[in-house]
Amino acid sequence: MVLACRTFFDGCWTGKDAPIEAEANAFLKGLELAAHYPNTPSIIEGDSKMIVTYITDDRLLFPWCIRSIILYSRQLLLSNPLSSVRFVPRTKNKAAHCLARQAINSESFRVL
């Protein structure tokens, strides 16, 4: 099942931590969406192996700037046993990048 959803970017993410925060937030948004469909198996995929590992391995230390995002993502993952997160190499993730680019360029895209 693929669900289309609206995303937002507030323009406040800057600096060296911006990419890792964006990746962590993307997984969180996917897990939040999956939580709305608790009886449906959901796989949230992304090309950030680091974020997938932070979410799935509670023995690891992670940057403080994504602490709340990772902890909430773990909580959502534990509360929904039909959900999972998975790493997909960027070379295998081209369809997602094309869809994201199309959404950004679409007339219905809005910045909240």
N, C-alpha and C. Protein backbone atom coordinates (compact mmCIF):
# COMPACT_ATOMS: atom_id res chain seq x y z
N MET A 1 0.84 -1.17 0.00
CA MET A 1 0.00 0.00 0.00
C MET A 1 0.89 1.24 0.00
N VAL A 2 0.62 2.13 -0.88
CA VAL A 2 1.33 3.41 -0.92
C VAL A 2 0.32 4.50 -0.66
N LEU A 3 0.62 5.35 0.29
CA LEU A 3 -0.27 6.47 0.60
C LEU A 3 0.41 7.77 0.26
N ALA A 4 -0.30 8.64 -0.41
CA ALA A 4 0.24 9.97 -0.68
C ALA A 4 -0.10 10.85 0.51
N CYS A 5 0.85 11.64 0.92
CA CYS A 5 0.59 12.52 2.06
C CYS A 5 1.27 13.86 1.82
N ARG A 6 0.77 14.86 2.47
CA ARG A 6 1.38 16.18 2.38
C ARG A 6 2.52 16.27 3.37
N THR A 7 3.53 16.99 2.99
CA THR A 7 4.66 17.20 3.88
C THR A 7 4.84 18.68 4.06
N PHE A 8 5.70 19.05 5.01
CA PHE A 8 5.97 20.47 5.21
C PHE A 8 7.45 20.67 5.43
N PHE A 9 7.87 21.84 5.13
CA PHE A 9 9.23 22.25 5.41
C PHE A 9 9.15 23.68 5.88
N ASP A 10 9.59 23.92 7.09
CA ASP A 10 9.40 25.26 7.65
C ASP A 10 10.54 26.21 7.34
N GLY A 11 11.57 25.73 6.66
CA GLY A 11 12.67 26.60 6.28
C GLY A 11 13.61 26.95 7.41
N CYS A 12 13.43 26.37 8.58
CA CYS A 12 14.26 26.71 9.73
C CYS A 12 15.47 25.80 9.89
N TRP A 13 15.51 24.72 9.16
CA TRP A 13 16.63 23.80 9.31
C TRP A 13 17.83 24.33 8.56
N THR A 14 18.86 24.67 9.27
CA THR A 14 20.09 25.13 8.66
C THR A 14 21.26 24.53 9.42
N GLY A 15 22.42 24.64 8.84
CA GLY A 15 23.62 24.16 9.52
C GLY A 15 23.91 22.71 9.24
N LYS A 16 24.93 22.20 9.92
CA LYS A 16 25.42 20.85 9.63
C LYS A 16 24.46 19.75 10.07
N ASP A 17 23.56 20.01 11.00
CA ASP A 17 22.63 18.99 11.46
C ASP A 17 21.35 18.92 10.64
N ALA A 18 21.17 19.83 9.71
CA ALA A 18 19.93 19.88 8.93
C ALA A 18 19.62 18.57 8.21
N PRO A 19 20.57 17.95 7.51
CA PRO A 19 20.24 16.70 6.79
C PRO A 19 19.81 15.56 7.72
N ILE A 20 20.50 15.39 8.82
CA ILE A 20 20.15 14.29 9.73
C ILE A 20 18.79 14.55 10.39
N GLU A 21 18.49 15.79 10.68
CA GLU A 21 17.17 16.12 11.25
C GLU A 21 16.07 15.87 10.22
N ALA A 22 16.33 16.23 8.98
CA ALA A 22 15.34 16.02 7.92
C ALA A 22 15.09 14.53 7.72
N GLU A 23 16.14 13.73 7.70
CA GLU A 23 15.99 12.28 7.54
C GLU A 23 15.21 11.69 8.72
N ALA A 24 15.57 12.08 9.93
CA ALA A 24 14.88 11.56 11.12
C ALA A 24 13.41 11.96 11.11
N ASN A 25 13.12 13.19 10.73
CA ASN A 25 11.73 13.65 10.66
C ASN A 25 10.94 12.91 9.60
N ALA A 26 11.58 12.56 8.50
CA ALA A 26 10.90 11.81 7.44
C ALA A 26 10.45 10.45 7.96
N PHE A 27 11.34 9.76 8.68
CA PHE A 27 10.95 8.48 9.27
C PHE A 27 9.83 8.66 10.29
N LEU A 28 9.94 9.69 11.10
CA LEU A 28 8.90 9.95 12.10
C LEU A 28 7.55 10.18 11.44
N LYS A 29 7.52 10.97 10.38
CA LYS A 29 6.25 11.23 9.68
C LYS A 29 5.68 9.94 9.12
N GLY A 30 6.55 9.07 8.58
CA GLY A 30 6.08 7.78 8.08
C GLY A 30 5.49 6.92 9.18
N LEU A 31 6.15 6.89 10.33
CA LEU A 31 5.65 6.11 11.46
C LEU A 31 4.35 6.69 12.02
N GLU A 32 4.24 8.01 12.02
CA GLU A 32 2.99 8.64 12.46
C GLU A 32 1.84 8.28 11.52
N LEU A 33 2.11 8.27 10.22
CA LEU A 33 1.09 7.89 9.25
C LEU A 33 0.71 6.42 9.44
N ALA A 34 1.69 5.56 9.64
CA ALA A 34 1.42 4.13 9.86
C ALA A 34 0.58 3.92 11.12
N ALA A 35 0.78 4.75 12.13
CA ALA A 35 0.02 4.62 13.38
C ALA A 35 -1.47 4.86 13.16
N HIS A 36 -1.82 5.60 12.12
CA HIS A 36 -3.23 5.84 11.80
C HIS A 36 -3.89 4.61 11.18
N TYR A 37 -3.07 3.64 10.75
CA TYR A 37 -3.56 2.41 10.13
C TYR A 37 -2.95 1.22 10.86
N PRO A 38 -3.31 1.02 12.13
CA PRO A 38 -2.64 0.01 12.97
C PRO A 38 -2.84 -1.43 12.51
N ASN A 39 -3.85 -1.71 11.71
CA ASN A 39 -4.11 -3.08 11.26
C ASN A 39 -3.53 -3.35 9.87
N THR A 40 -2.76 -2.40 9.36
CA THR A 40 -2.17 -2.53 8.04
C THR A 40 -0.65 -2.62 8.16
N PRO A 41 -0.05 -3.67 7.60
CA PRO A 41 1.42 -3.74 7.62
C PRO A 41 2.02 -2.54 6.89
N SER A 42 2.98 -1.90 7.50
CA SER A 42 3.61 -0.70 6.92
C SER A 42 5.12 -0.82 7.02
N ILE A 43 5.78 -0.55 5.91
CA ILE A 43 7.24 -0.53 5.89
C ILE A 43 7.66 0.88 5.51
N ILE A 44 8.39 1.53 6.38
CA ILE A 44 8.89 2.87 6.11
C ILE A 44 10.33 2.70 5.66
N GLU A 45 10.60 3.10 4.42
CA GLU A 45 11.92 2.92 3.84
C GLU A 45 12.61 4.26 3.68
N GLY A 46 13.92 4.23 3.79
CA GLY A 46 14.70 5.43 3.57
C GLY A 46 16.14 5.09 3.26
N ASP A 47 16.85 6.06 2.70
CA ASP A 47 18.23 5.81 2.30
C ASP A 47 19.25 6.28 3.33
N SER A 48 18.81 6.50 4.56
CA SER A 48 19.73 6.85 5.64
C SER A 48 19.90 5.64 6.56
N LYS A 49 20.95 4.88 6.31
CA LYS A 49 21.22 3.70 7.12
C LYS A 49 21.43 4.08 8.59
N MET A 50 22.03 5.24 8.79
CA MET A 50 22.30 5.71 10.14
C MET A 50 21.00 5.90 10.92
N ILE A 51 20.01 6.55 10.33
CA ILE A 51 18.74 6.80 11.02
C ILE A 51 18.01 5.49 11.28
N VAL A 52 18.00 4.59 10.31
CA VAL A 52 17.37 3.28 10.51
C VAL A 52 18.01 2.57 11.69
N THR A 53 19.33 2.62 11.77
CA THR A 53 20.04 1.97 12.88
C THR A 53 19.74 2.64 14.21
N TYR A 54 19.69 3.97 14.22
CA TYR A 54 19.35 4.68 15.46
C TYR A 54 17.96 4.29 15.97
N ILE A 55 17.02 4.13 15.05
CA ILE A 55 15.65 3.79 15.44
C ILE A 55 15.55 2.34 15.91
N THR A 56 16.25 1.45 15.25
CA THR A 56 16.07 0.02 15.53
C THR A 56 17.01 -0.55 16.58
N ASP A 57 18.12 0.11 16.87
CA ASP A 57 19.10 -0.42 17.81
C ASP A 57 19.21 0.50 19.02
N ASP A 58 18.59 0.10 20.13
CA ASP A 58 18.56 0.98 21.31
C ASP A 58 19.87 0.98 22.10
N ARG A 59 20.88 0.27 21.62
CA ARG A 59 22.19 0.29 22.30
C ARG A 59 23.06 1.45 21.82
N LEU A 60 22.66 2.08 20.73
CA LEU A 60 23.50 3.12 20.12
C LEU A 60 23.24 4.50 20.72
N LEU A 61 24.29 5.28 20.75
CA LEU A 61 24.16 6.70 21.09
C LEU A 61 23.91 7.45 19.79
N PHE A 62 23.12 8.51 19.88
CA PHE A 62 22.82 9.29 18.68
C PHE A 62 22.90 10.76 19.03
N PRO A 63 23.01 11.63 18.02
CA PRO A 63 23.14 13.07 18.27
C PRO A 63 21.96 13.62 19.07
N TRP A 64 22.25 14.52 19.97
CA TRP A 64 21.21 15.12 20.82
C TRP A 64 20.16 15.85 20.00
N CYS A 65 20.55 16.39 18.85
CA CYS A 65 19.61 17.19 18.05
C CYS A 65 18.45 16.36 17.49
N ILE A 66 18.61 15.04 17.46
CA ILE A 66 17.51 14.19 16.98
C ILE A 66 16.99 13.27 18.08
N ARG A 67 17.39 13.52 19.29
CA ARG A 67 17.02 12.64 20.42
C ARG A 67 15.51 12.45 20.53
N SER A 68 14.76 13.53 20.58
CA SER A 68 13.30 13.40 20.75
C SER A 68 12.66 12.72 19.54
N ILE A 69 13.19 12.97 18.37
CA ILE A 69 12.64 12.35 17.15
C ILE A 69 12.86 10.84 17.18
N ILE A 70 14.08 10.43 17.52
CA ILE A 70 14.41 9.01 17.56
C ILE A 70 13.60 8.30 18.65
N LEU A 71 13.54 8.89 19.84
CA LEU A 71 12.80 8.25 20.93
C LEU A 71 11.32 8.11 20.61
N TYR A 72 10.73 9.13 19.99
CA TYR A 72 9.32 9.04 19.63
C TYR A 72 9.12 8.03 18.50
N SER A 73 10.06 7.98 17.56
CA SER A 73 9.98 6.99 16.47
C SER A 73 10.02 5.58 17.04
N ARG A 74 10.91 5.34 18.00
CA ARG A 74 10.98 4.03 18.64
C ARG A 74 9.67 3.68 19.34
N GLN A 75 9.10 4.66 20.02
CA GLN A 75 7.84 4.44 20.73
C GLN A 75 6.73 4.06 19.74
N LEU A 76 6.65 4.77 18.63
CA LEU A 76 5.63 4.45 17.62
C LEU A 76 5.86 3.07 17.02
N LEU A 77 7.12 2.74 16.78
CA LEU A 77 7.45 1.44 16.20
C LEU A 77 7.07 0.30 17.16
N LEU A 78 7.34 0.48 18.43
CA LEU A 78 7.00 -0.54 19.43
C LEU A 78 5.49 -0.68 19.61
N SER A 79 4.77 0.42 19.49
CA SER A 79 3.32 0.38 19.69
C SER A 79 2.56 -0.16 18.48
N ASN A 80 3.22 -0.27 17.35
CA ASN A 80 2.58 -0.79 16.15
C ASN A 80 3.42 -1.95 15.60
N PRO A 81 3.14 -3.18 16.03
CA PRO A 81 3.96 -4.32 15.62
C PRO A 81 3.91 -4.64 14.12
N LEU A 82 2.95 -4.08 13.40
CA LEU A 82 2.89 -4.31 11.96
C LEU A 82 3.72 -3.30 11.17
N SER A 83 4.34 -2.37 11.86
CA SER A 83 5.19 -1.37 11.20
C SER A 83 6.66 -1.75 11.33
N SER A 84 7.43 -1.34 10.35
CA SER A 84 8.88 -1.56 10.41
C SER A 84 9.57 -0.46 9.61
N VAL A 85 10.85 -0.27 9.90
CA VAL A 85 11.66 0.66 9.13
C VAL A 85 12.76 -0.15 8.46
N ARG A 86 13.14 0.31 7.27
CA ARG A 86 14.12 -0.45 6.50
C ARG A 86 14.99 0.50 5.68
N PHE A 87 16.26 0.16 5.62
CA PHE A 87 17.21 0.90 4.80
C PHE A 87 17.09 0.43 3.36
N VAL A 88 17.07 1.39 2.44
CA VAL A 88 17.09 1.11 1.01
C VAL A 88 18.19 1.98 0.41
N PRO A 89 19.16 1.39 -0.27
CA PRO A 89 20.23 2.21 -0.86
C PRO A 89 19.66 3.28 -1.80
N ARG A 90 20.32 4.41 -1.85
CA ARG A 90 19.85 5.52 -2.68
C ARG A 90 19.66 5.09 -4.13
N THR A 91 20.52 4.21 -4.62
CA THR A 91 20.40 3.75 -6.01
C THR A 91 19.11 2.98 -6.24
N LYS A 92 18.56 2.40 -5.20
CA LYS A 92 17.30 1.65 -5.31
C LYS A 92 16.10 2.50 -4.92
N ASN A 93 16.33 3.74 -4.56
CA ASN A 93 15.29 4.61 -4.02
C ASN A 93 14.96 5.76 -4.98
N LYS A 94 15.25 5.59 -6.25
CA LYS A 94 15.05 6.67 -7.21
C LYS A 94 13.59 7.05 -7.39
N ALA A 95 12.70 6.08 -7.30
CA ALA A 95 11.27 6.39 -7.46
C ALA A 95 10.80 7.36 -6.39
N ALA A 96 11.24 7.15 -5.16
CA ALA A 96 10.85 8.05 -4.07
C ALA A 96 11.38 9.46 -4.31
N HIS A 97 12.61 9.57 -4.78
CA HIS A 97 13.17 10.89 -5.05
C HIS A 97 12.42 11.58 -6.19
N CYS A 98 12.03 10.83 -7.20
CA CYS A 98 11.26 11.41 -8.31
C CYS A 98 9.89 11.89 -7.82
N LEU A 99 9.24 11.10 -6.98
CA LEU A 99 7.94 11.51 -6.44
C LEU A 99 8.06 12.75 -5.56
N ALA A 100 9.11 12.80 -4.76
CA ALA A 100 9.33 13.98 -3.91
C ALA A 100 9.57 15.21 -4.75
N ARG A 101 10.38 15.09 -5.78
CA ARG A 101 10.66 16.22 -6.67
C ARG A 101 9.38 16.68 -7.36
N GLN A 102 8.57 15.72 -7.81
CA GLN A 102 7.30 16.06 -8.46
C GLN A 102 6.37 16.77 -7.48
N ALA A 103 6.32 16.32 -6.24
CA ALA A 103 5.46 16.96 -5.24
C ALA A 103 5.90 18.38 -4.97
N ILE A 104 7.21 18.59 -4.88
CA ILE A 104 7.73 19.94 -4.62
C ILE A 104 7.41 20.88 -5.77
N ASN A 105 7.49 20.37 -7.00
CA ASN A 105 7.24 21.20 -8.17
C ASN A 105 5.76 21.34 -8.51
N SER A 106 4.91 20.58 -7.84
CA SER A 106 3.49 20.62 -8.15
C SER A 106 2.85 21.92 -7.65
N GLU A 107 1.79 22.32 -8.30
CA GLU A 107 1.09 23.55 -7.92
C GLU A 107 0.43 23.42 -6.56
N SER A 108 0.11 22.20 -6.16
CA SER A 108 -0.59 22.01 -4.88
C SER A 108 0.37 22.00 -3.69
N PHE A 109 1.67 22.06 -3.96
CA PHE A 109 2.65 22.07 -2.86
C PHE A 109 2.60 23.40 -2.16
N ARG A 110 2.48 23.35 -0.84
CA ARG A 110 2.44 24.58 -0.04
C ARG A 110 3.42 24.47 1.11
N VAL A 111 4.00 25.58 1.45
CA VAL A 111 4.86 25.65 2.63
C VAL A 111 4.01 26.13 3.78
N LEU A 112 3.98 25.37 4.85
CA LEU A 112 3.17 25.74 6.01
C LEU A 112 3.98 26.53 6.99
